Amino acid sequence: MKIIDMHCDTISRIYKNPGSQLRQNDFQLDLMKMKSSGYLLQNFAMFIDLDETEHPYETCLEQIRIFKSELEKNNDLIAPVTNYAEILENEKLGKMSALMTIEEGQVCGGDLRILKEFYDLGARMMTFTWNHKNTLGFPAEPVHDSDRGGLTHLGIAFLDAMEQLGIIPDVSHLSDQGITDVCRLAKKPFVASHSNSRFLCGRCRNLPDELIRKIAEKGGVIGANFYGPFLTSTPDSDGCFFSYAKDVARHIRHLVDVGGLACVGLGSDFDGIDDNIEMKDCSFLPLLEAELCKIGFSETEIEHIFYRNVLNLYQALL
């Protein structure tokens, strides 16, 4: 089964662990594991935590440098892509594809010229926020009663600029009001690259049914997240929110039931989540395929969830 995963934090983890490499490591994702699993494409996020750096722009540039360097060292296995044609070309050459994304819109410092700079460097998807209020909008969590809101005026300008440039807006981590604003204002499809169902797990980061429907109506795709606390609200006897493949499948089932088959993809969040996970790394994705089969999905439907829906989106937008 081919695989497209819309979100991992592996580059950021390499950045924080000097000496580690993308080709082979002890993380949840590396190129050898990806190759063994049949990956077609991986989105690699340049993840910036504003609490950990006083210079988000420079930190993002350093992660991009690492991303490009790692791809150059491993061009026998993978190559960067910025458009749909390059994905097809890499597949013909027997190579996997890597799409650069940014997780934390504040790396632009509210400057549209920097957004264009990141586009020129290869970024093709960006979240408006992570877990911090910024110049673009308000996060889903942590949320305080006095700190609720959607996109700012600047966030609206960034949405328009992203669509014009060809950077896919990513509403994961954005507040409900912010996502509602994107649904109202976006002229093109967009994504929630790593989000689950709030009906099944009542976390603020998960999507209520109303927003699942609105994203689907806009032609967007939601990537199912593998993080235990976003899969279940009830910890086990040890107080652990363990991530089981059956629970990921359960969220996928709900997303499909609410928004339709075409709105669902994968957004593992590998290397951004803890190790309390049945799918210990990206080589374990056949477990999810088996669980989807158990609950009635056909092989063709699983193909759409595993890669076709996201690939179709990239064909339309990149």
C-alpha atoms as a PDB file:
ATOM      1  CA  MET A   1       0.000   0.000   0.000  1.00  0.00           C
ATOM      2  CA  LYS A   2       1.366   3.406  -0.940  1.00  0.00           C
ATOM      3  CA  ILE A   3       1.484   5.994   1.839  1.00  0.00           C
ATOM      4  CA  ILE A   4       1.294   9.784   2.002  1.00  0.00           C
ATOM      5  CA  ASP A   5       1.604  11.230   5.500  1.00  0.00           C
ATOM      6  CA  MET A   6       0.783  14.922   5.891  1.00  0.00           C
ATOM      7  CA  HIS A   7       2.727  15.565   9.104  1.00  0.00           C
ATOM      8  CA  CYS A   8       5.854  14.498  10.973  1.00  0.00           C
ATOM      9  CA  ASP A   9       8.326  16.407  13.175  1.00  0.00           C
ATOM     10  CA  THR A  10      11.407  14.369  12.263  1.00  0.00           C
ATOM     11  CA  ILE A  11      13.462  17.300  10.948  1.00  0.00           C
ATOM     12  CA  SER A  12      12.846  19.234  14.150  1.00  0.00           C
ATOM     13  CA  ARG A  13      13.912  16.186  16.136  1.00  0.00           C
ATOM     14  CA  ILE A  14      17.124  15.931  14.127  1.00  0.00           C
ATOM     15  CA  TYR A  15      17.680  19.641  14.795  1.00  0.00           C
ATOM     16  CA  LYS A  16      17.374  19.004  18.536  1.00  0.00           C
ATOM     17  CA  ASN A  17      19.596  15.908  18.384  1.00  0.00           C
ATOM     18  CA  PRO A  18      22.816  16.875  16.563  1.00  0.00           C
ATOM     19  CA  GLY A  19      24.446  13.885  14.918  1.00  0.00           C
ATOM     20  CA  SER A  20      21.181  12.116  14.163  1.00  0.00           C
ATOM     21  CA  GLN A  21      20.333  11.428  10.535  1.00  0.00           C
ATOM     22  CA  LEU A  22      17.278  11.043   8.356  1.00  0.00           C
ATOM     23  CA  ARG A  23      18.427   7.894   6.573  1.00  0.00           C
ATOM     24  CA  GLN A  24      18.422   5.691   9.662  1.00  0.00           C
ATOM     25  CA  ASN A  25      17.785   6.562  13.299  1.00  0.00           C
ATOM     26  CA  ASP A  26      16.034   5.433  16.480  1.00  0.00           C
ATOM     27  CA  PHE A  27      13.133   7.841  15.947  1.00  0.00           C
ATOM     28  CA  GLN A  28       9.620   7.021  14.759  1.00  0.00           C
ATOM     29  CA  LEU A  29      10.451   7.840  11.141  1.00  0.00           C
ATOM     30  CA  ASP A  30      13.472   7.446   8.922  1.00  0.00           C
ATOM     31  CA  LEU A  31      14.037   6.771   5.248  1.00  0.00           C
ATOM     32  CA  MET A  32      14.780   3.078   5.583  1.00  0.00           C
ATOM     33  CA  LYS A  33      11.563   2.497   7.546  1.00  0.00           C
ATOM     34  CA  MET A  34       9.642   4.598   5.022  1.00  0.00           C
ATOM     35  CA  LYS A  35      11.086   2.616   2.116  1.00  0.00           C
ATOM     36  CA  SER A  36      10.154  -0.702   3.705  1.00  0.00           C
ATOM     37  CA  SER A  37       6.562   0.505   4.154  1.00  0.00           C
ATOM     38  CA  GLY A  38       6.038   1.741   0.601  1.00  0.00           C
ATOM     39  CA  TYR A  39       5.895   5.489   1.243  1.00  0.00           C
ATOM     40  CA  LEU A  40       5.128   7.644  -1.759  1.00  0.00           C
ATOM     41  CA  LEU A  41       5.500  10.985   0.027  1.00  0.00           C
ATOM     42  CA  GLN A  42       6.141  12.425   3.477  1.00  0.00           C
ATOM     43  CA  ASN A  43       5.395  15.974   4.573  1.00  0.00           C
ATOM     44  CA  PHE A  44       8.279  17.141   6.760  1.00  0.00           C
ATOM     45  CA  ALA A  45       7.320  19.942   9.132  1.00  0.00           C
ATOM     46  CA  MET A  46       9.727  22.646  10.217  1.00  0.00           C
ATOM     47  CA  PHE A  47       8.249  22.784  13.731  1.00  0.00           C
ATOM     48  CA  ILE A  48       9.001  25.850  15.845  1.00  0.00           C
ATOM     49  CA  ASP A  49       8.009  26.115  19.515  1.00  0.00           C
ATOM     50  CA  LEU A  50       7.977  29.811  20.375  1.00  0.00           C
ATOM     51  CA  ASP A  51       8.794  28.939  23.996  1.00  0.00           C
ATOM     52  CA  GLU A  52      12.077  27.375  22.903  1.00  0.00           C
ATOM     53  CA  THR A  53      13.502  30.090  20.668  1.00  0.00           C
ATOM     54  CA  GLU A  54      13.695  33.861  20.662  1.00  0.00           C
ATOM     55  CA  HIS A  55      14.402  33.781  16.936  1.00  0.00           C
ATOM     56  CA  PRO A  56      11.718  31.696  15.180  1.00  0.00           C
ATOM     57  CA  TYR A  57      12.658  32.900  11.694  1.00  0.00           C
ATOM     58  CA  GLU A  58      16.311  31.936  12.101  1.00  0.00           C
ATOM     59  CA  THR A  59      15.403  28.627  13.756  1.00  0.00           C
ATOM     60  CA  CYS A  60      13.126  27.781  10.849  1.00  0.00           C
ATOM     61  CA  LEU A  61      15.890  28.610   8.362  1.00  0.00           C
ATOM     62  CA  GLU A  62      18.267  26.285  10.220  1.00  0.00           C
ATOM     63  CA  GLN A  63      15.727  23.452  10.081  1.00  0.00           C
ATOM     64  CA  ILE A  64      15.281  24.081   6.363  1.00  0.00           C
ATOM     65  CA  ARG A  65      19.059  23.860   5.961  1.00  0.00           C
ATOM     66  CA  ILE A  66      18.989  20.474   7.723  1.00  0.00           C
ATOM     67  CA  PHE A  67      16.057  19.322   5.575  1.00  0.00           C
ATOM     68  CA  LYS A  68      17.836  20.205   2.345  1.00  0.00           C
ATOM     69  CA  SER A  69      21.146  18.736   3.519  1.00  0.00           C
ATOM     70  CA  GLU A  70      19.569  15.438   4.545  1.00  0.00           C
ATOM     71  CA  LEU A  71      17.772  15.122   1.220  1.00  0.00           C
ATOM     72  CA  GLU A  72      20.951  15.836  -0.716  1.00  0.00           C
ATOM     73  CA  LYS A  73      22.796  13.123   1.240  1.00  0.00           C
ATOM     74  CA  ASN A  74      20.027  10.628   0.508  1.00  0.00           C
ATOM     75  CA  ASN A  75      19.056  11.441  -3.065  1.00  0.00           C
ATOM     76  CA  ASP A  76      19.209   7.754  -3.929  1.00  0.00           C
ATOM     77  CA  LEU A  77      16.051   7.260  -1.843  1.00  0.00           C
ATOM     78  CA  ILE A  78      14.145  10.553  -1.740  1.00  0.00           C
ATOM     79  CA  ALA A  79      13.923  13.951  -3.415  1.00  0.00           C
ATOM     80  CA  PRO A  80      12.162  17.210  -2.539  1.00  0.00           C
ATOM     81  CA  VAL A  81       9.007  18.216  -4.377  1.00  0.00           C
ATOM     82  CA  THR A  82       7.219  21.518  -4.817  1.00  0.00           C
ATOM     83  CA  ASN A  83       4.600  20.437  -7.364  1.00  0.00           C
ATOM     84  CA  TYR A  84       2.547  17.460  -8.453  1.00  0.00           C
ATOM     85  CA  ALA A  85       4.617  16.674 -11.550  1.00  0.00           C
ATOM     86  CA  GLU A  86       7.716  16.194  -9.393  1.00  0.00           C
ATOM     87  CA  ILE A  87       5.879  13.631  -7.258  1.00  0.00           C
ATOM     88  CA  LEU A  88       5.093  11.577 -10.354  1.00  0.00           C
ATOM     89  CA  GLU A  89       8.636  11.948 -11.667  1.00  0.00           C
ATOM     90  CA  ASN A  90      10.138  10.746  -8.376  1.00  0.00           C
ATOM     91  CA  GLU A  91       7.846   7.733  -8.415  1.00  0.00           C
ATOM     92  CA  LYS A  92       8.982   6.853 -11.940  1.00  0.00           C
ATOM     93  CA  LEU A  93      12.586   7.063 -10.737  1.00  0.00           C
ATOM     94  CA  GLY A  94      11.839   4.773  -7.776  1.00  0.00           C
ATOM     95  CA  LYS A  95      12.292   7.575  -5.261  1.00  0.00           C
ATOM     96  CA  MET A  96      10.112   8.768  -2.415  1.00  0.00           C
ATOM     97  CA  SER A  97       9.075  12.421  -2.227  1.00  0.00           C
ATOM     98  CA  ALA A  98       9.530  14.984   0.546  1.00  0.00           C
ATOM     99  CA  LEU A  99       7.287  18.033   0.861  1.00  0.00           C
ATOM    100  CA  MET A 100       8.434  20.864   3.142  1.00  0.00           C
ATOM    101  CA  THR A 101       5.849  22.323   5.520  1.00  0.00           C
ATOM    102  CA  ILE A 102       5.982  24.838   8.372  1.00  0.00           C
ATOM    103  CA  GLU A 103       4.300  24.385  11.746  1.00  0.00           C
ATOM    104  CA  GLU A 104       3.966  27.850  13.343  1.00  0.00           C
ATOM    105  CA  GLY A 105       3.062  30.795  11.146  1.00  0.00           C
ATOM    106  CA  GLN A 106       4.855  33.221  13.447  1.00  0.00           C
ATOM    107  CA  VAL A 107       8.145  32.283  11.779  1.00  0.00           C
ATOM    108  CA  CYS A 108       7.173  34.939   9.232  1.00  0.00           C
ATOM    109  CA  GLY A 109       7.006  37.633  11.913  1.00  0.00           C
ATOM    110  CA  GLY A 110       3.844  38.953  10.304  1.00  0.00           C
ATOM    111  CA  ASP A 111       5.767  39.881   7.151  1.00  0.00           C
ATOM    112  CA  LEU A 112       4.319  38.723   3.838  1.00  0.00           C
ATOM    113  CA  ARG A 113       7.742  39.127   2.201  1.00  0.00           C
ATOM    114  CA  ILE A 114       9.085  36.412   4.505  1.00  0.00           C
ATOM    115  CA  LEU A 115       6.155  34.169   3.572  1.00  0.00           C
ATOM    116  CA  LYS A 116       7.268  34.551  -0.048  1.00  0.00           C
ATOM    117  CA  GLU A 117      10.844  33.766   1.010  1.00  0.00           C
ATOM    118  CA  PHE A 118       9.723  30.494   2.571  1.00  0.00           C
ATOM    119  CA  TYR A 119       7.752  29.683  -0.581  1.00  0.00           C
ATOM    120  CA  ASP A 120      10.880  30.269  -2.654  1.00  0.00           C
ATOM    121  CA  LEU A 121      12.784  27.931  -0.305  1.00  0.00           C
ATOM    122  CA  GLY A 122      10.225  25.195  -1.033  1.00  0.00           C
ATOM    123  CA  ALA A 123       7.549  25.429   1.685  1.00  0.00           C
ATOM    124  CA  ARG A 124       4.175  24.318   0.349  1.00  0.00           C
ATOM    125  CA  MET A 125       2.032  24.083   3.503  1.00  0.00           C
ATOM    126  CA  MET A 126       1.878  26.098   6.735  1.00  0.00           C
ATOM    127  CA  THR A 127      -0.141  26.182   9.938  1.00  0.00           C
ATOM    128  CA  PHE A 128      -1.290  29.570  11.171  1.00  0.00           C
ATOM    129  CA  THR A 129      -0.423  28.706  14.780  1.00  0.00           C
ATOM    130  CA  TRP A 130       0.932  26.048  17.075  1.00  0.00           C
ATOM    131  CA  ASN A 131      -0.069  26.264  20.750  1.00  0.00           C
ATOM    132  CA  HIS A 132       0.526  29.995  21.090  1.00  0.00           C
ATOM    133  CA  LYS A 133      -1.491  33.048  20.155  1.00  0.00           C
ATOM    134  CA  ASN A 134       0.432  34.918  17.465  1.00  0.00           C
ATOM    135  CA  THR A 135       0.005  37.725  14.966  1.00  0.00           C
ATOM    136  CA  LEU A 136      -2.065  35.477  12.671  1.00  0.00           C
ATOM    137  CA  GLY A 137      -4.584  33.953  15.057  1.00  0.00           C
ATOM    138  CA  PHE A 138      -5.528  31.996  18.140  1.00  0.00           C
ATOM    139  CA  PRO A 139      -4.652  28.375  18.912  1.00  0.00           C
ATOM    140  CA  ALA A 140      -7.015  25.540  19.763  1.00  0.00           C
ATOM    141  CA  GLU A 141      -5.225  24.854  23.017  1.00  0.00           C
ATOM    142  CA  PRO A 142      -4.321  25.855  25.571  1.00  0.00           C
ATOM    143  CA  VAL A 143      -7.391  28.088  25.470  1.00  0.00           C
ATOM    144  CA  HIS A 144      -8.358  30.560  28.200  1.00  0.00           C
ATOM    145  CA  ASP A 145     -11.790  32.136  28.422  1.00  0.00           C
ATOM    146  CA  SER A 146     -10.252  35.595  28.006  1.00  0.00           C
ATOM    147  CA  ASP A 147      -8.107  34.515  25.062  1.00  0.00           C
ATOM    148  CA  ARG A 148     -10.465  33.216  22.416  1.00  0.00           C
ATOM    149  CA  GLY A 149     -10.585  34.343  18.825  1.00  0.00           C
ATOM    150  CA  GLY A 150     -10.091  33.417  15.202  1.00  0.00           C
ATOM    151  CA  LEU A 151      -7.878  34.789  12.471  1.00  0.00           C
ATOM    152  CA  THR A 152      -6.567  38.303  12.966  1.00  0.00           C
ATOM    153  CA  HIS A 153      -6.705  40.854  10.147  1.00  0.00           C
ATOM    154  CA  LEU A 154      -3.113  39.888   9.386  1.00  0.00           C
ATOM    155  CA  GLY A 155      -4.069  36.204   9.478  1.00  0.00           C
ATOM    156  CA  ILE A 156      -6.704  36.889   6.833  1.00  0.00           C
ATOM    157  CA  ALA A 157      -4.100  38.646   4.688  1.00  0.00           C
ATOM    158  CA  PHE A 158      -1.794  35.630   5.101  1.00  0.00           C
ATOM    159  CA  LEU A 159      -4.580  33.247   4.071  1.00  0.00           C
ATOM    160  CA  ASP A 160      -5.073  35.214   0.863  1.00  0.00           C
ATOM    161  CA  ALA A 161      -1.326  35.388   0.195  1.00  0.00           C
ATOM    162  CA  MET A 162      -0.828  31.674   0.868  1.00  0.00           C
ATOM    163  CA  GLU A 163      -3.534  30.779  -1.623  1.00  0.00           C
ATOM    164  CA  GLN A 164      -2.069  33.107  -4.240  1.00  0.00           C
ATOM    165  CA  LEU A 165       1.464  31.764  -3.763  1.00  0.00           C
ATOM    166  CA  GLY A 166       0.573  28.088  -3.611  1.00  0.00           C
ATOM    167  CA  ILE A 167       1.193  27.412   0.079  1.00  0.00           C
ATOM    168  CA  ILE A 168      -1.611  25.162   1.329  1.00  0.00           C
ATOM    169  CA  PRO A 169      -3.220  26.594   4.498  1.00  0.00           C
ATOM    170  CA  ASP A 170      -3.149  24.110   7.384  1.00  0.00           C
ATOM    171  CA  VAL A 171      -5.757  24.641  10.118  1.00  0.00           C
ATOM    172  CA  SER A 172      -4.461  22.025  12.569  1.00  0.00           C
ATOM    173  CA  HIS A 173      -3.787  23.773  15.914  1.00  0.00           C
ATOM    174  CA  LEU A 174      -6.045  26.691  14.964  1.00  0.00           C
ATOM    175  CA  SER A 175      -9.034  27.626  17.141  1.00  0.00           C
ATOM    176  CA  ASP A 176     -12.562  26.674  16.115  1.00  0.00           C
ATOM    177  CA  GLN A 177     -13.286  30.292  15.220  1.00  0.00           C
ATOM    178  CA  GLY A 178     -10.080  30.470  13.210  1.00  0.00           C
ATOM    179  CA  ILE A 179     -11.007  27.344  11.254  1.00  0.00           C
ATOM    180  CA  THR A 180     -14.483  28.785  10.726  1.00  0.00           C
ATOM    181  CA  ASP A 181     -12.868  31.934   9.345  1.00  0.00           C
ATOM    182  CA  VAL A 182     -10.748  29.883   6.933  1.00  0.00           C
ATOM    183  CA  CYS A 183     -13.811  27.905   5.828  1.00  0.00           C
ATOM    184  CA  ARG A 184     -15.642  31.177   5.156  1.00  0.00           C
ATOM    185  CA  LEU A 185     -12.821  33.019   3.408  1.00  0.00           C
ATOM    186  CA  ALA A 186     -10.753  30.373   1.590  1.00  0.00           C
ATOM    187  CA  LYS A 187     -11.129  30.267  -2.175  1.00  0.00           C
ATOM    188  CA  LYS A 188      -9.391  26.889  -2.497  1.00  0.00           C
ATOM    189  CA  PRO A 189      -9.281  23.603  -0.546  1.00  0.00           C
ATOM    190  CA  PHE A 190      -7.037  23.452   2.513  1.00  0.00           C
ATOM    191  CA  VAL A 191      -6.027  20.854   5.101  1.00  0.00           C
ATOM    192  CA  ALA A 192      -6.069  19.954   8.761  1.00  0.00           C
ATOM    193  CA  SER A 193      -2.862  17.992   8.447  1.00  0.00           C
ATOM    194  CA  HIS A 194      -2.987  16.166  11.794  1.00  0.00           C
ATOM    195  CA  SER A 195      -6.379  16.367  13.535  1.00  0.00           C
ATOM    196  CA  ASN A 196      -8.964  13.922  14.874  1.00  0.00           C
ATOM    197  CA  SER A 197     -12.645  13.826  15.887  1.00  0.00           C
ATOM    198  CA  ARG A 198     -13.790  15.758  18.951  1.00  0.00           C
ATOM    199  CA  PHE A 199     -16.963  13.641  19.084  1.00  0.00           C
ATOM    200  CA  LEU A 200     -14.794  10.617  19.907  1.00  0.00           C
ATOM    201  CA  CYS A 201     -12.221  12.469  22.034  1.00  0.00           C
ATOM    202  CA  GLY A 202     -13.150  15.836  23.476  1.00  0.00           C
ATOM    203  CA  ARG A 203      -9.825  17.629  23.117  1.00  0.00           C
ATOM    204  CA  CYS A 204      -9.812  21.205  21.822  1.00  0.00           C
ATOM    205  CA  ARG A 205      -7.263  20.148  19.187  1.00  0.00           C
ATOM    206  CA  ASN A 206      -9.753  17.738  17.661  1.00  0.00           C
ATOM    207  CA  LEU A 207     -12.415  18.817  15.172  1.00  0.00           C
ATOM    208  CA  PRO A 208     -16.138  19.032  15.944  1.00  0.00           C
ATOM    209  CA  ASP A 209     -18.431  17.440  13.380  1.00  0.00           C
ATOM    210  CA  GLU A 210     -19.554  20.839  12.070  1.00  0.00           C
ATOM    211  CA  LEU A 211     -16.002  21.772  11.103  1.00  0.00           C
ATOM    212  CA  ILE A 212     -15.289  18.325   9.644  1.00  0.00           C
ATOM    213  CA  ARG A 213     -18.258  18.897   7.328  1.00  0.00           C
ATOM    214  CA  LYS A 214     -17.167  22.430   6.432  1.00  0.00           C
ATOM    215  CA  ILE A 215     -13.608  21.352   5.605  1.00  0.00           C
ATOM    216  CA  ALA A 216     -15.002  18.527   3.460  1.00  0.00           C
ATOM    217  CA  GLU A 217     -17.391  20.901   1.702  1.00  0.00           C
ATOM    218  CA  LYS A 218     -14.407  23.085   0.783  1.00  0.00           C
ATOM    219  CA  GLY A 219     -12.672  20.063  -0.744  1.00  0.00           C
ATOM    220  CA  GLY A 220     -10.136  19.817   2.064  1.00  0.00           C
ATOM    221  CA  VAL A 221      -8.438  16.797   3.621  1.00  0.00           C
ATOM    222  CA  ILE A 222      -8.043  15.914   7.318  1.00  0.00           C
ATOM    223  CA  GLY A 223      -5.026  13.814   8.327  1.00  0.00           C
ATOM    224  CA  ALA A 224      -5.781  11.380  11.157  1.00  0.00           C
ATOM    225  CA  ASN A 225      -3.385  11.931  14.088  1.00  0.00           C
ATOM    226  CA  PHE A 226      -1.801   8.968  15.936  1.00  0.00           C
ATOM    227  CA  TYR A 227      -1.273  10.750  19.299  1.00  0.00           C
ATOM    228  CA  GLY A 228      -2.871   8.833  22.199  1.00  0.00           C
ATOM    229  CA  PRO A 229      -4.388  11.830  24.058  1.00  0.00           C
ATOM    230  CA  PHE A 230      -6.123  12.883  20.810  1.00  0.00           C
ATOM    231  CA  LEU A 231      -7.550   9.374  20.305  1.00  0.00           C
ATOM    232  CA  THR A 232      -9.159   8.662  23.679  1.00  0.00           C
ATOM    233  CA  SER A 233     -10.271  10.724  26.651  1.00  0.00           C
ATOM    234  CA  THR A 234      -9.782   7.846  29.094  1.00  0.00           C
ATOM    235  CA  PRO A 235      -6.307   6.783  30.221  1.00  0.00           C
ATOM    236  CA  ASP A 236      -5.481   3.170  31.049  1.00  0.00           C
ATOM    237  CA  SER A 237      -4.892   1.832  34.570  1.00  0.00           C
ATOM    238  CA  ASP A 238      -1.374   3.308  34.538  1.00  0.00           C
ATOM    239  CA  GLY A 239      -2.676   6.746  33.586  1.00  0.00           C
ATOM    240  CA  CYS A 240      -1.302   6.373  30.063  1.00  0.00           C
ATOM    241  CA  PHE A 241      -3.110   7.529  26.925  1.00  0.00           C
ATOM    242  CA  PHE A 242      -1.869   4.682  24.745  1.00  0.00           C
ATOM    243  CA  SER A 243      -2.256   4.943  20.979  1.00  0.00           C
ATOM    244  CA  TYR A 244      -3.808   1.829  19.434  1.00  0.00           C
ATOM    245  CA  ALA A 245      -4.219   1.336  15.697  1.00  0.00           C
ATOM    246  CA  LYS A 246      -7.864   0.387  16.309  1.00  0.00           C
ATOM    247  CA  ASP A 247      -8.500   3.839  17.804  1.00  0.00           C
ATOM    248  CA  VAL A 248      -6.912   5.594  14.829  1.00  0.00           C
ATOM    249  CA  ALA A 249      -9.195   3.475  12.629  1.00  0.00           C
ATOM    250  CA  ARG A 250     -12.182   4.458  14.782  1.00  0.00           C
ATOM    251  CA  HIS A 251     -11.443   8.158  14.242  1.00  0.00           C
ATOM    252  CA  ILE A 252     -10.993   7.586  10.519  1.00  0.00           C
ATOM    253  CA  ARG A 253     -14.361   5.830  10.427  1.00  0.00           C
ATOM    254  CA  HIS A 254     -16.008   8.812  12.105  1.00  0.00           C
ATOM    255  CA  LEU A 255     -14.287  11.360   9.846  1.00  0.00           C
ATOM    256  CA  VAL A 256     -15.463   9.427   6.794  1.00  0.00           C
ATOM    257  CA  ASP A 257     -19.004   9.054   8.157  1.00  0.00           C
ATOM    258  CA  VAL A 258     -19.253  12.794   8.803  1.00  0.00           C
ATOM    259  CA  GLY A 259     -17.298  14.314   5.922  1.00  0.00           C
ATOM    260  CA  GLY A 260     -17.133  11.586   3.291  1.00  0.00           C
ATOM    261  CA  LEU A 261     -14.304   9.360   2.106  1.00  0.00           C
ATOM    262  CA  ALA A 262     -12.558  12.086   0.081  1.00  0.00           C
ATOM    263  CA  CYS A 263     -11.827  14.272   3.122  1.00  0.00           C
ATOM    264  CA  VAL A 264      -9.641  11.806   5.040  1.00  0.00           C
ATOM    265  CA  GLY A 265      -5.917  11.104   4.920  1.00  0.00           C
ATOM    266  CA  LEU A 266      -3.058  10.351   7.307  1.00  0.00           C
ATOM    267  CA  GLY A 267      -1.289  12.833   9.583  1.00  0.00           C
ATOM    268  CA  SER A 268       0.686  10.640  11.951  1.00  0.00           C
ATOM    269  CA  ASP A 269       2.603  13.358  13.856  1.00  0.00           C
ATOM    270  CA  PHE A 270       5.511  10.899  14.101  1.00  0.00           C
ATOM    271  CA  ASP A 271       8.443  12.269  16.105  1.00  0.00           C
ATOM    272  CA  GLY A 272       6.149  14.888  17.578  1.00  0.00           C
ATOM    273  CA  ILE A 273       4.349  12.376  19.814  1.00  0.00           C
ATOM    274  CA  ASP A 274       5.428  10.145  22.677  1.00  0.00           C
ATOM    275  CA  ASP A 275       6.323   6.458  22.399  1.00  0.00           C
ATOM    276  CA  ASN A 276       3.109   5.125  23.961  1.00  0.00           C
ATOM    277  CA  ILE A 277       2.003   3.907  20.575  1.00  0.00           C
ATOM    278  CA  GLU A 278       1.177   0.528  19.067  1.00  0.00           C
ATOM    279  CA  MET A 279       2.444   1.671  15.657  1.00  0.00           C
ATOM    280  CA  LYS A 280       5.902   2.212  17.125  1.00  0.00           C
ATOM    281  CA  ASP A 281       7.245   3.769  13.942  1.00  0.00           C
ATOM    282  CA  CYS A 282       6.312   4.277  10.321  1.00  0.00           C
ATOM    283  CA  SER A 283       7.075   0.649   9.431  1.00  0.00           C
ATOM    284  CA  PHE A 284       4.040  -0.432  11.482  1.00  0.00           C
ATOM    285  CA  LEU A 285       1.369   1.174   9.274  1.00  0.00           C
ATOM    286  CA  PRO A 286       0.147  -2.245   8.050  1.00  0.00           C
ATOM    287  CA  LEU A 287      -1.459  -2.501  11.522  1.00  0.00           C
ATOM    288  CA  LEU A 288      -3.708   0.427  10.629  1.00  0.00           C
ATOM    289  CA  GLU A 289      -4.516  -1.069   7.245  1.00  0.00           C
ATOM    290  CA  ALA A 290      -5.577  -4.298   8.988  1.00  0.00           C
ATOM    291  CA  GLU A 291      -7.772  -2.426  11.490  1.00  0.00           C
ATOM    292  CA  LEU A 292      -9.485  -0.504   8.701  1.00  0.00           C
ATOM    293  CA  CYS A 293     -10.198  -3.797   6.952  1.00  0.00           C
ATOM    294  CA  LYS A 294     -11.701  -5.175  10.179  1.00  0.00           C
ATOM    295  CA  ILE A 295     -14.224  -2.352  10.414  1.00  0.00           C
ATOM    296  CA  GLY A 296     -15.409  -2.709   6.843  1.00  0.00           C
ATOM    297  CA  PHE A 297     -13.276  -0.498   4.631  1.00  0.00           C
ATOM    298  CA  SER A 298     -12.524  -1.927   1.190  1.00  0.00           C
ATOM    299  CA  GLU A 299      -9.038  -2.015  -0.301  1.00  0.00           C
ATOM    300  CA  THR A 300      -9.965   0.820  -2.656  1.00  0.00           C
ATOM    301  CA  GLU A 301     -11.266   2.943   0.226  1.00  0.00           C
ATOM    302  CA  ILE A 302      -8.092   2.310   2.220  1.00  0.00           C
ATOM    303  CA  GLU A 303      -6.023   3.362  -0.791  1.00  0.00           C
ATOM    304  CA  HIS A 304      -7.871   6.681  -0.814  1.00  0.00           C
ATOM    305  CA  ILE A 305      -7.239   7.185   2.908  1.00  0.00           C
ATOM    306  CA  PHE A 306      -3.588   6.099   2.746  1.00  0.00           C
ATOM    307  CA  TYR A 307      -2.605   8.244  -0.236  1.00  0.00           C
ATOM    308  CA  ARG A 308      -5.056   8.956  -3.057  1.00  0.00           C
ATOM    309  CA  ASN A 309      -7.056  11.715  -1.350  1.00  0.00           C
ATOM    310  CA  VAL A 310      -3.955  13.732  -0.482  1.00  0.00           C
ATOM    311  CA  LEU A 311      -2.397  13.060  -3.886  1.00  0.00           C
ATOM    312  CA  ASN A 312      -5.571  14.332  -5.573  1.00  0.00           C
ATOM    313  CA  LEU A 313      -5.413  17.462  -3.417  1.00  0.00           C
ATOM    314  CA  TYR A 314      -1.776  18.049  -4.398  1.00  0.00           C
ATOM    315  CA  GLN A 315      -2.675  17.586  -8.052  1.00  0.00           C
ATOM    316  CA  ALA A 316      -5.244  20.356  -7.676  1.00  0.00           C
ATOM    317  CA  LEU A 317      -3.171  22.778  -5.591  1.00  0.00           C
ATOM    318  CA  LEU A 318       0.537  22.278  -6.280  1.00  0.00           C
END
